[in-house]
């Protein structure tokens, strides 16, 4: 018999947050909790922490009310909250050199925001 696993899913857009908990039991999935609320997370570093605190309150209430037991969480972000960019680079650069290029690009696109305020992920594409 397969062990039951509970997973919480969060979907974030600029307007709303949807939250679910699913119990996985082998090939079977059961929705155990679902809710939606206004996304109060700040959209810039300059905003105060009230929105973040409100988000934490909403999420905590969802988890307590629905007795969420999930140990794993999957987060989906609306692409409008993300910045995608392709940067042509020389082959053979070290990870540190690539990170320097990414930070330079961020400073060019968002000069008013320090690069440390961003979460970045880099995938090197190779030619075949």
N, C-alpha and C. Protein backbone atom coordinates (compact mmCIF):
# COMPACT_ATOMS: atom_id res chain seq x y z
N UNK A 1 0.84 -1.18 0.00
CA UNK A 1 0.00 0.00 0.00
C UNK A 1 0.88 1.24 0.00
N UNK A 2 0.59 2.18 -0.89
CA UNK A 2 1.38 3.42 -1.00
C UNK A 2 1.11 4.33 0.20
N UNK A 3 2.14 5.05 0.58
CA UNK A 3 2.01 5.99 1.68
C UNK A 3 1.33 7.26 1.19
N UNK A 4 0.43 7.79 2.00
CA UNK A 4 -0.26 9.02 1.64
C UNK A 4 0.68 10.21 1.81
N UNK A 5 0.64 11.11 0.84
CA UNK A 5 1.45 12.32 0.87
C UNK A 5 0.53 13.51 0.68
N UNK A 6 0.74 14.55 1.44
CA UNK A 6 -0.04 15.78 1.27
C UNK A 6 0.87 16.86 0.71
N UNK A 7 0.36 17.56 -0.30
CA UNK A 7 1.09 18.62 -0.97
C UNK A 7 0.21 19.86 -1.00
N UNK A 8 0.81 21.00 -0.65
CA UNK A 8 0.09 22.27 -0.76
C UNK A 8 0.56 22.97 -2.03
N UNK A 9 -0.37 23.56 -2.74
CA UNK A 9 -0.05 24.32 -3.93
C UNK A 9 -0.46 25.77 -3.75
N UNK A 10 0.41 26.70 -4.13
CA UNK A 10 0.11 28.12 -4.11
C UNK A 10 0.29 28.67 -5.51
N UNK A 11 -0.70 29.39 -6.00
CA UNK A 11 -0.62 30.05 -7.29
C UNK A 11 -0.72 31.55 -7.04
N UNK A 12 0.32 32.29 -7.43
CA UNK A 12 0.38 33.73 -7.17
C UNK A 12 0.26 34.51 -8.46
N UNK A 13 -0.68 35.45 -8.50
CA UNK A 13 -0.75 36.42 -9.58
C UNK A 13 -0.61 37.79 -8.94
N UNK A 14 -0.61 38.85 -9.73
CA UNK A 14 -0.50 40.17 -9.14
C UNK A 14 -1.76 40.56 -8.37
N UNK A 15 -2.86 39.87 -8.60
CA UNK A 15 -4.14 40.20 -7.95
C UNK A 15 -4.57 39.21 -6.87
N UNK A 16 -4.34 37.91 -7.11
CA UNK A 16 -4.88 36.90 -6.21
C UNK A 16 -3.87 35.83 -5.84
N UNK A 17 -4.23 35.10 -4.79
CA UNK A 17 -3.49 33.90 -4.37
C UNK A 17 -4.53 32.77 -4.29
N UNK A 18 -4.22 31.67 -4.94
CA UNK A 18 -5.04 30.48 -4.80
C UNK A 18 -4.22 29.45 -4.05
N UNK A 19 -4.86 28.79 -3.08
CA UNK A 19 -4.17 27.79 -2.28
C UNK A 19 -4.98 26.50 -2.27
N UNK A 20 -4.29 25.38 -2.39
CA UNK A 20 -4.93 24.07 -2.31
C UNK A 20 -4.05 23.13 -1.51
N UNK A 21 -4.68 22.11 -0.98
CA UNK A 21 -3.94 20.98 -0.44
C UNK A 21 -4.51 19.74 -1.09
N UNK A 22 -3.62 18.87 -1.55
CA UNK A 22 -4.02 17.63 -2.21
C UNK A 22 -3.38 16.47 -1.47
N UNK A 23 -4.18 15.45 -1.21
CA UNK A 23 -3.66 14.22 -0.61
C UNK A 23 -3.43 13.22 -1.74
N UNK A 24 -2.21 12.76 -1.87
CA UNK A 24 -1.84 11.79 -2.90
C UNK A 24 -1.73 10.41 -2.24
N UNK A 25 -2.48 9.47 -2.80
CA UNK A 25 -2.49 8.10 -2.28
C UNK A 25 -2.31 7.17 -3.47
N UNK A 26 -1.04 6.92 -3.83
CA UNK A 26 -0.76 6.14 -5.03
C UNK A 26 -1.26 6.90 -6.25
N UNK A 27 -2.08 6.27 -7.09
CA UNK A 27 -2.57 6.94 -8.30
C UNK A 27 -3.76 7.87 -8.02
N UNK A 28 -4.23 7.87 -6.79
CA UNK A 28 -5.42 8.66 -6.44
C UNK A 28 -5.02 9.99 -5.80
N UNK A 29 -5.72 11.06 -6.18
CA UNK A 29 -5.52 12.39 -5.59
C UNK A 29 -6.84 12.89 -5.05
N UNK A 30 -6.81 13.46 -3.83
CA UNK A 30 -8.01 14.00 -3.22
C UNK A 30 -7.75 15.44 -2.81
N UNK A 31 -8.62 16.33 -3.25
CA UNK A 31 -8.54 17.74 -2.85
C UNK A 31 -9.06 17.85 -1.43
N UNK A 32 -8.21 18.30 -0.50
CA UNK A 32 -8.61 18.38 0.90
C UNK A 32 -8.87 19.81 1.35
N UNK A 33 -8.36 20.81 0.60
CA UNK A 33 -8.59 22.20 0.98
C UNK A 33 -8.39 23.08 -0.25
N UNK A 34 -9.18 24.15 -0.33
CA UNK A 34 -9.04 25.12 -1.41
C UNK A 34 -9.51 26.49 -0.92
N UNK A 35 -8.81 27.54 -1.33
CA UNK A 35 -9.20 28.90 -0.96
C UNK A 35 -8.55 29.88 -1.92
N UNK A 36 -9.03 31.11 -1.89
CA UNK A 36 -8.48 32.19 -2.71
C UNK A 36 -8.62 33.49 -1.93
N UNK A 37 -7.60 34.35 -2.05
CA UNK A 37 -7.67 35.65 -1.41
C UNK A 37 -6.88 36.67 -2.22
N UNK A 38 -7.03 37.92 -1.84
CA UNK A 38 -6.33 39.01 -2.52
C UNK A 38 -4.84 38.91 -2.23
N UNK A 39 -4.01 39.08 -3.24
CA UNK A 39 -2.56 39.06 -3.06
C UNK A 39 -2.13 40.42 -2.49
N UNK A 40 -1.64 40.39 -1.28
CA UNK A 40 -1.20 41.61 -0.60
C UNK A 40 0.32 41.75 -0.57
N UNK A 41 1.04 40.80 -1.20
CA UNK A 41 2.49 40.89 -1.20
C UNK A 41 2.94 42.16 -1.91
N UNK A 42 3.95 42.84 -1.39
CA UNK A 42 4.42 44.08 -2.02
C UNK A 42 5.02 43.81 -3.40
N UNK A 43 4.80 44.76 -4.31
CA UNK A 43 5.33 44.59 -5.66
C UNK A 43 6.66 45.29 -5.86
N UNK A 44 7.14 45.99 -4.83
CA UNK A 44 8.45 46.62 -4.93
C UNK A 44 9.08 46.66 -3.55
N UNK A 45 10.39 46.83 -3.53
CA UNK A 45 11.14 46.84 -2.28
C UNK A 45 10.80 48.06 -1.42
N UNK A 46 10.29 49.12 -2.04
CA UNK A 46 10.01 50.34 -1.31
C UNK A 46 8.76 50.25 -0.43
N UNK A 47 7.87 49.30 -0.73
CA UNK A 47 6.64 49.18 0.04
C UNK A 47 6.94 48.63 1.43
N UNK A 48 6.09 49.02 2.38
CA UNK A 48 6.32 48.56 3.76
C UNK A 48 5.90 47.10 3.92
N UNK A 49 6.14 46.54 5.09
CA UNK A 49 5.89 45.12 5.35
C UNK A 49 4.47 44.76 5.68
N UNK A 50 3.53 45.72 5.66
CA UNK A 50 2.15 45.41 6.01
C UNK A 50 1.55 44.37 5.07
N UNK A 51 1.83 44.49 3.78
CA UNK A 51 1.30 43.54 2.81
C UNK A 51 1.82 42.14 3.04
N UNK A 52 3.09 42.03 3.37
CA UNK A 52 3.68 40.72 3.66
C UNK A 52 3.04 40.11 4.89
N UNK A 53 2.86 40.92 5.93
CA UNK A 53 2.24 40.44 7.16
C UNK A 53 0.81 39.97 6.90
N UNK A 54 0.07 40.70 6.08
CA UNK A 54 -1.31 40.33 5.74
C UNK A 54 -1.31 38.99 4.97
N UNK A 55 -0.36 38.83 4.04
CA UNK A 55 -0.25 37.56 3.30
C UNK A 55 -0.03 36.41 4.27
N UNK A 56 0.89 36.58 5.22
CA UNK A 56 1.18 35.54 6.21
C UNK A 56 -0.08 35.22 7.02
N UNK A 57 -0.85 36.25 7.38
CA UNK A 57 -2.10 36.03 8.13
C UNK A 57 -3.09 35.21 7.30
N UNK A 58 -3.28 35.57 6.03
CA UNK A 58 -4.20 34.83 5.16
C UNK A 58 -3.76 33.37 5.03
N UNK A 59 -2.47 33.15 4.77
CA UNK A 59 -1.96 31.79 4.61
C UNK A 59 -2.09 30.99 5.90
N UNK A 60 -1.76 31.60 7.02
CA UNK A 60 -1.89 30.92 8.32
C UNK A 60 -3.33 30.54 8.61
N UNK A 61 -4.25 31.44 8.31
CA UNK A 61 -5.68 31.16 8.51
C UNK A 61 -6.12 30.00 7.64
N UNK A 62 -5.70 30.01 6.36
CA UNK A 62 -6.02 28.90 5.45
C UNK A 62 -5.53 27.58 6.03
N UNK A 63 -4.29 27.56 6.51
CA UNK A 63 -3.70 26.33 7.01
C UNK A 63 -4.38 25.86 8.30
N UNK A 64 -4.69 26.78 9.21
CA UNK A 64 -5.34 26.41 10.47
C UNK A 64 -6.78 25.97 10.24
N UNK A 65 -7.53 26.74 9.47
CA UNK A 65 -8.94 26.44 9.23
C UNK A 65 -9.12 25.08 8.56
N UNK A 66 -8.25 24.78 7.62
CA UNK A 66 -8.36 23.53 6.85
C UNK A 66 -7.50 22.41 7.40
N UNK A 67 -6.84 22.66 8.52
CA UNK A 67 -5.96 21.68 9.16
C UNK A 67 -4.99 21.07 8.14
N UNK A 68 -4.32 21.95 7.41
CA UNK A 68 -3.37 21.55 6.38
C UNK A 68 -2.20 20.83 7.03
N UNK A 69 -1.89 19.65 6.50
CA UNK A 69 -0.81 18.83 7.05
C UNK A 69 0.34 18.65 6.05
N UNK A 70 0.28 19.35 4.94
CA UNK A 70 1.29 19.20 3.87
C UNK A 70 2.68 19.52 4.38
N UNK A 71 3.63 18.70 3.96
CA UNK A 71 5.05 18.94 4.24
C UNK A 71 5.77 19.45 3.00
N UNK A 72 5.11 19.36 1.84
CA UNK A 72 5.67 19.83 0.57
C UNK A 72 4.78 20.93 0.02
N UNK A 73 5.41 21.90 -0.65
CA UNK A 73 4.64 22.99 -1.26
C UNK A 73 5.16 23.22 -2.67
N UNK A 74 4.23 23.42 -3.57
CA UNK A 74 4.55 23.77 -4.95
C UNK A 74 4.02 25.17 -5.20
N UNK A 75 4.86 26.04 -5.77
CA UNK A 75 4.47 27.43 -6.00
C UNK A 75 4.48 27.71 -7.50
N UNK A 76 3.39 28.32 -7.97
CA UNK A 76 3.30 28.73 -9.38
C UNK A 76 3.22 30.25 -9.42
N UNK A 77 4.05 30.86 -10.24
CA UNK A 77 4.06 32.32 -10.38
C UNK A 77 3.54 32.70 -11.74
N UNK A 78 2.67 33.69 -11.78
CA UNK A 78 2.18 34.24 -13.04
C UNK A 78 3.37 34.87 -13.76
N UNK A 79 3.48 34.62 -15.05
CA UNK A 79 4.63 35.15 -15.79
C UNK A 79 4.68 36.67 -15.79
N UNK A 80 3.56 37.35 -15.48
CA UNK A 80 3.60 38.81 -15.40
C UNK A 80 4.42 39.28 -14.20
N UNK A 81 4.67 38.38 -13.25
CA UNK A 81 5.50 38.71 -12.08
C UNK A 81 6.98 38.43 -12.33
N UNK A 82 7.29 37.87 -13.50
CA UNK A 82 8.65 37.46 -13.80
C UNK A 82 9.25 38.30 -14.92
N UNK A 83 10.57 38.30 -14.98
CA UNK A 83 11.29 38.98 -16.06
C UNK A 83 12.19 37.94 -16.71
N UNK A 84 11.90 37.63 -17.97
CA UNK A 84 12.71 36.68 -18.73
C UNK A 84 13.60 37.44 -19.69
N UNK A 85 14.84 36.98 -19.82
CA UNK A 85 15.75 37.64 -20.73
C UNK A 85 16.76 36.62 -21.25
N UNK A 86 17.11 36.76 -22.52
CA UNK A 86 18.17 35.95 -23.11
C UNK A 86 19.39 36.84 -23.25
N UNK A 87 20.51 36.38 -22.69
CA UNK A 87 21.74 37.16 -22.69
C UNK A 87 22.81 36.40 -23.48
N UNK A 88 23.27 36.96 -24.60
CA UNK A 88 24.35 36.27 -25.32
C UNK A 88 25.67 36.40 -24.54
N UNK A 89 26.31 35.26 -24.31
CA UNK A 89 27.56 35.23 -23.55
C UNK A 89 28.59 34.38 -24.29
N UNK A 90 29.83 34.66 -23.98
CA UNK A 90 30.91 33.84 -24.54
C UNK A 90 30.85 32.44 -23.90
N UNK A 91 31.24 31.46 -24.66
CA UNK A 91 31.28 30.10 -24.12
C UNK A 91 32.42 29.98 -23.12
N UNK A 92 32.24 29.11 -22.14
CA UNK A 92 33.31 28.80 -21.20
C UNK A 92 33.41 29.73 -20.00
N UNK A 93 32.44 30.65 -19.82
CA UNK A 93 32.49 31.53 -18.65
C UNK A 93 32.19 30.76 -17.37
N UNK A 94 32.80 31.19 -16.28
CA UNK A 94 32.52 30.56 -14.99
C UNK A 94 31.16 31.03 -14.50
N UNK A 95 30.63 30.34 -13.50
CA UNK A 95 29.33 30.71 -12.92
C UNK A 95 29.41 32.13 -12.35
N UNK A 96 30.52 32.49 -11.72
CA UNK A 96 30.69 33.84 -11.17
C UNK A 96 30.64 34.89 -12.27
N UNK A 97 31.29 34.62 -13.40
CA UNK A 97 31.27 35.57 -14.52
C UNK A 97 29.87 35.70 -15.12
N UNK A 98 29.15 34.58 -15.20
CA UNK A 98 27.77 34.63 -15.69
C UNK A 98 26.91 35.45 -14.74
N UNK A 99 27.08 35.23 -13.44
CA UNK A 99 26.31 36.00 -12.45
C UNK A 99 26.61 37.49 -12.55
N UNK A 100 27.86 37.85 -12.80
CA UNK A 100 28.22 39.26 -13.00
C UNK A 100 27.48 39.84 -14.19
N UNK A 101 27.40 39.08 -15.29
CA UNK A 101 26.66 39.54 -16.46
C UNK A 101 25.17 39.73 -16.15
N UNK A 102 24.60 38.78 -15.43
CA UNK A 102 23.17 38.86 -15.06
C UNK A 102 22.93 40.10 -14.21
N UNK A 103 23.78 40.34 -13.23
CA UNK A 103 23.61 41.52 -12.38
C UNK A 103 23.76 42.82 -13.17
N UNK A 104 24.67 42.84 -14.13
CA UNK A 104 24.82 44.02 -14.98
C UNK A 104 23.54 44.25 -15.79
N UNK A 105 22.99 43.17 -16.37
CA UNK A 105 21.74 43.28 -17.14
C UNK A 105 20.60 43.80 -16.26
N UNK A 106 20.49 43.28 -15.05
CA UNK A 106 19.44 43.75 -14.13
C UNK A 106 19.58 45.24 -13.86
N UNK A 107 20.82 45.70 -13.66
CA UNK A 107 21.06 47.12 -13.41
C UNK A 107 20.67 47.98 -14.61
N UNK A 108 20.81 47.44 -15.83
CA UNK A 108 20.43 48.17 -17.03
C UNK A 108 18.91 48.26 -17.16
N UNK A 109 18.19 47.19 -16.85
CA UNK A 109 16.74 47.17 -16.97
C UNK A 109 16.04 47.82 -15.78
N UNK A 110 16.61 47.65 -14.59
CA UNK A 110 16.00 48.15 -13.36
C UNK A 110 17.02 48.95 -12.55
N UNK A 111 17.43 50.13 -13.05
CA UNK A 111 18.50 50.87 -12.38
C UNK A 111 18.15 51.34 -10.97
N UNK A 112 16.86 51.47 -10.67
CA UNK A 112 16.46 51.97 -9.36
C UNK A 112 16.43 50.88 -8.28
N UNK A 113 16.63 49.61 -8.67
CA UNK A 113 16.53 48.51 -7.71
C UNK A 113 17.84 47.75 -7.64
N UNK A 114 18.41 47.58 -6.44
CA UNK A 114 19.67 46.81 -6.32
C UNK A 114 19.46 45.36 -6.75
N UNK A 115 20.46 44.75 -7.37
CA UNK A 115 20.33 43.38 -7.87
C UNK A 115 20.05 42.38 -6.75
N UNK A 116 20.45 42.69 -5.53
CA UNK A 116 20.19 41.77 -4.42
C UNK A 116 18.70 41.63 -4.11
N UNK A 117 17.87 42.55 -4.63
CA UNK A 117 16.42 42.49 -4.42
C UNK A 117 15.75 41.48 -5.35
N UNK A 118 16.49 40.92 -6.29
CA UNK A 118 15.94 39.98 -7.26
C UNK A 118 16.34 38.56 -6.92
N UNK A 119 15.48 37.63 -7.26
CA UNK A 119 15.82 36.21 -7.23
C UNK A 119 16.09 35.83 -8.67
N UNK A 120 17.27 35.35 -8.95
CA UNK A 120 17.63 35.03 -10.33
C UNK A 120 17.89 33.55 -10.49
N UNK A 121 17.67 33.08 -11.69
CA UNK A 121 17.98 31.71 -12.06
C UNK A 121 18.52 31.74 -13.48
N UNK A 122 19.61 31.08 -13.71
CA UNK A 122 20.27 31.12 -15.02
C UNK A 122 20.37 29.71 -15.59
N UNK A 123 20.01 29.59 -16.85
CA UNK A 123 20.14 28.33 -17.56
C UNK A 123 20.98 28.57 -18.81
N UNK A 124 22.10 27.90 -18.90
CA UNK A 124 23.00 28.07 -20.04
C UNK A 124 22.51 27.16 -21.17
N UNK A 125 22.23 27.77 -22.30
CA UNK A 125 21.81 27.01 -23.47
C UNK A 125 23.03 26.72 -24.34
N UNK A 126 23.15 25.52 -24.80
CA UNK A 126 24.31 25.12 -25.61
C UNK A 126 23.86 24.82 -27.04
N UNK A 127 24.81 24.94 -27.96
CA UNK A 127 24.55 24.60 -29.35
C UNK A 127 24.77 23.11 -29.55
N UNK A 128 23.97 22.55 -30.45
CA UNK A 128 24.13 21.11 -30.74
C UNK A 128 24.70 20.91 -32.11
